Protein backbone atom coordinates (compact mmCIF):
# COMPACT_ATOMS: atom_id res chain seq x y z
CA MET A 1 2.20 -18.52 -8.57
CA ARG A 2 5.78 -18.45 -6.68
CA ILE A 3 7.90 -15.84 -9.25
CA LEU A 4 4.62 -13.83 -9.92
CA ALA A 5 4.40 -13.39 -6.02
CA ALA A 6 8.42 -12.23 -5.58
CA LYS A 7 7.32 -9.80 -8.22
CA ILE A 8 5.12 -8.20 -6.55
CA ALA A 9 6.99 -8.68 -3.37
CA GLU A 10 9.85 -7.72 -4.89
CA TYR A 11 7.65 -4.30 -5.86
CA THR A 12 6.04 -3.03 -3.59
CA GLY A 13 8.95 -3.21 -1.05
CA ASN A 14 11.34 -0.78 -3.53
CA TYR A 15 7.74 1.02 -3.98
CA SER A 16 7.85 1.62 0.26
CA ARG A 17 11.53 2.41 0.21
CA THR A 18 11.20 5.13 -2.83
CA HIS A 19 7.66 6.73 -1.43
CA GLY A 20 7.80 6.30 1.72
CA TYR A 21 4.24 4.31 2.25
CA PRO A 22 3.64 1.30 0.66
CA PRO A 23 1.39 0.82 -3.10
CA THR A 24 -2.26 0.99 -3.06
CA VAL A 25 -3.64 -1.59 -5.42
CA GLU A 26 -4.46 0.67 -8.48
CA GLU A 27 -0.06 1.23 -8.53
CA LEU A 28 -0.38 -2.42 -8.74
CA ILE A 29 -2.27 -2.80 -11.79
CA THR A 30 -0.12 -0.06 -13.34
CA ALA A 31 2.70 -2.09 -12.59
CA PHE A 32 1.24 -5.97 -13.45
CA GLY A 33 -1.74 -5.14 -15.31
CA LEU A 34 -5.20 -5.93 -14.47
CA PRO A 35 -4.80 -9.63 -15.25
CA ILE A 36 -2.43 -10.60 -12.66
CA VAL A 37 -3.74 -8.25 -10.45
CA MET A 38 -6.79 -10.49 -10.07
CA CYS A 39 -5.32 -13.91 -10.51
CA MET A 40 -2.55 -13.24 -7.78
CA MET A 41 -6.03 -11.06 -5.49
CA PHE A 42 -5.54 -13.64 -2.79
CA TYR A 43 -1.88 -12.93 -2.06
CA ILE A 44 -2.09 -9.40 -2.15
CA LEU A 45 -4.91 -9.52 0.19
CA SER A 46 -2.58 -11.14 2.52
CA LEU A 47 0.34 -8.25 2.02
CA TYR A 48 -2.20 -5.76 2.78
CA ARG A 49 -3.41 -7.98 5.71
CA VAL A 50 -0.02 -6.87 6.81
CA GLY A 51 0.35 -2.78 5.75
CA MET A 52 2.56 -3.92 2.27
CA ILE A 53 0.02 -2.66 0.85
CA ARG A 54 -2.19 0.93 1.24
CA ASN A 55 -5.82 1.23 1.33
CA SER A 56 -8.22 2.35 -1.60
CA LEU A 57 -10.87 2.65 -3.98
CA PHE A 58 -10.11 -0.96 -4.25
CA PHE A 59 -10.85 -2.30 -0.43
CA GLY A 60 -13.05 0.55 0.09
CA THR A 61 -12.25 3.20 3.11
CA GLY A 62 -14.77 1.65 5.48
CA ASN A 63 -11.11 2.19 8.07
CA LEU A 64 -8.96 4.61 6.41
CA GLN A 65 -7.93 6.94 9.34
CA LEU A 66 -6.30 10.18 9.10
CA ILE A 67 -3.83 11.20 11.27
CA PRO A 68 -4.79 15.03 12.00
CA MET A 69 -0.71 17.30 11.06
CA LYS A 70 -0.01 20.52 12.60
CA ALA A 71 2.27 22.62 11.07
CA ASN A 72 3.20 23.92 14.58
CA TRP A 73 3.42 21.39 16.34
CA TYR A 74 7.07 21.54 18.26
CA GLU A 75 5.73 25.18 19.51
CA ASN A 76 2.39 23.00 20.38
CA THR A 77 4.50 20.31 22.67
CA ARG A 78 6.71 22.89 24.35
CA LYS A 79 4.08 25.37 26.83
């Protein structure tokens, strides 16, 4: 179990550094396979709670918050 947890933590860290945001559970399933992800679900839920896993359809989108982005943000702040 510790080896799998270390591999998942390493994957999420590398993914976050490469992409600029954490992976979803679906991306973990693609990388590790469904049986491993189901076996490690308690650990993955812990990673989700601290923000190392993104919200996805696997966890539901009830608390998903979208941040509005504006292309002319800088111009609006100078007025």
